[in-house]
Amino acid sequence: MKTFALALALSAAASASLAGGIEPVMDPVVVETAASSANDNWAGITLTLLLLAAALD
């Protein structure tokens, strides 16, 4: 079960990070604003909690 939870969390992280593809960075301010959006923060917190739960299981 621990391996499955870890695989699921890593899979979700990979698909979330690769979903937008690779785009050239034109303006660092825009990138910083996008990186600090509320949705990204919740995804990071959720993935961290999943990994922690898998490690403690």
C-alpha atoms as a PDB file:
ATOM      1  CA  MET A   1       0.000   0.000   0.000  1.00  0.00           C
ATOM      2  CA  LYS A   2       2.874   2.372   0.776  1.00  0.00           C
ATOM      3  CA  THR A   3       4.397   1.819  -2.665  1.00  0.00           C
ATOM      4  CA  PHE A   4       1.057   2.410  -4.374  1.00  0.00           C
ATOM      5  CA  ALA A   5       0.458   5.674  -2.478  1.00  0.00           C
ATOM      6  CA  LEU A   6       3.957   6.890  -3.292  1.00  0.00           C
ATOM      7  CA  ALA A   7       3.544   6.001  -6.969  1.00  0.00           C
ATOM      8  CA  LEU A   8       0.192   7.780  -7.055  1.00  0.00           C
ATOM      9  CA  ALA A   9       1.617  10.930  -5.453  1.00  0.00           C
ATOM     10  CA  LEU A  10       4.631  11.030  -7.764  1.00  0.00           C
ATOM     11  CA  SER A  11       2.436  10.387 -10.784  1.00  0.00           C
ATOM     12  CA  ALA A  12       0.141  13.260  -9.816  1.00  0.00           C
ATOM     13  CA  ALA A  13       3.126  15.556  -9.279  1.00  0.00           C
ATOM     14  CA  ALA A  14       4.618  14.638 -12.647  1.00  0.00           C
ATOM     15  CA  SER A  15       1.392  15.134 -14.570  1.00  0.00           C
ATOM     16  CA  ALA A  16       0.710  18.444 -12.800  1.00  0.00           C
ATOM     17  CA  SER A  17       4.169  19.776 -13.579  1.00  0.00           C
ATOM     18  CA  LEU A  18       4.190  18.563 -17.198  1.00  0.00           C
ATOM     19  CA  ALA A  19       0.586  19.457 -18.051  1.00  0.00           C
ATOM     20  CA  GLY A  20       1.451  22.919 -19.329  1.00  0.00           C
ATOM     21  CA  GLY A  21       4.417  21.835 -21.397  1.00  0.00           C
ATOM     22  CA  ILE A  22       7.653  23.786 -21.612  1.00  0.00           C
ATOM     23  CA  GLU A  23       7.293  27.476 -22.342  1.00  0.00           C
ATOM     24  CA  PRO A  24      10.033  30.069 -22.734  1.00  0.00           C
ATOM     25  CA  VAL A  25      10.422  32.496 -19.853  1.00  0.00           C
ATOM     26  CA  MET A  26       9.844  36.014 -21.112  1.00  0.00           C
ATOM     27  CA  ASP A  27       9.129  37.999 -17.954  1.00  0.00           C
ATOM     28  CA  PRO A  28      10.265  36.757 -14.507  1.00  0.00           C
ATOM     29  CA  VAL A  29       7.522  38.738 -12.737  1.00  0.00           C
ATOM     30  CA  VAL A  30       4.806  36.803 -14.581  1.00  0.00           C
ATOM     31  CA  VAL A  31       6.467  33.490 -13.712  1.00  0.00           C
ATOM     32  CA  GLU A  32       6.705  34.418 -10.022  1.00  0.00           C
ATOM     33  CA  THR A  33       3.043  35.426  -9.951  1.00  0.00           C
ATOM     34  CA  ALA A  34       1.962  32.175 -11.589  1.00  0.00           C
ATOM     35  CA  ALA A  35       4.119  30.102  -9.246  1.00  0.00           C
ATOM     36  CA  SER A  36       2.542  31.626  -6.158  1.00  0.00           C
ATOM     37  CA  SER A  37      -1.098  31.106  -7.132  1.00  0.00           C
ATOM     38  CA  ALA A  38      -3.425  29.550  -4.572  1.00  0.00           C
ATOM     39  CA  ASN A  39      -4.139  26.476  -6.714  1.00  0.00           C
ATOM     40  CA  ASP A  40      -0.459  25.576  -6.945  1.00  0.00           C
ATOM     41  CA  ASN A  41      -0.060  25.960  -3.200  1.00  0.00           C
ATOM     42  CA  TRP A  42      -2.954  23.585  -2.474  1.00  0.00           C
ATOM     43  CA  ALA A  43      -1.551  21.017  -4.911  1.00  0.00           C
ATOM     44  CA  GLY A  44       1.837  21.166  -3.190  1.00  0.00           C
ATOM     45  CA  ILE A  45       0.299  20.812   0.259  1.00  0.00           C
ATOM     46  CA  THR A  46      -1.848  17.880  -0.878  1.00  0.00           C
ATOM     47  CA  LEU A  47       1.098  16.064  -2.451  1.00  0.00           C
ATOM     48  CA  THR A  48       3.229  16.654   0.636  1.00  0.00           C
ATOM     49  CA  LEU A  49       0.522  15.206   2.883  1.00  0.00           C
ATOM     50  CA  LEU A  50       0.119  12.177   0.600  1.00  0.00           C
ATOM     51  CA  LEU A  51       3.858  11.498   0.677  1.00  0.00           C
ATOM     52  CA  LEU A  52       3.947  11.926   4.449  1.00  0.00           C
ATOM     53  CA  ALA A  53       1.012   9.537   4.895  1.00  0.00           C
ATOM     54  CA  ALA A  54       2.703   6.981   2.638  1.00  0.00           C
ATOM     55  CA  ALA A  55       5.964   7.265   4.566  1.00  0.00           C
ATOM     56  CA  LEU A  56       4.274   6.833   7.943  1.00  0.00           C
ATOM     57  CA  ASP A  57       2.121   3.905   6.838  1.00  0.00           C
END
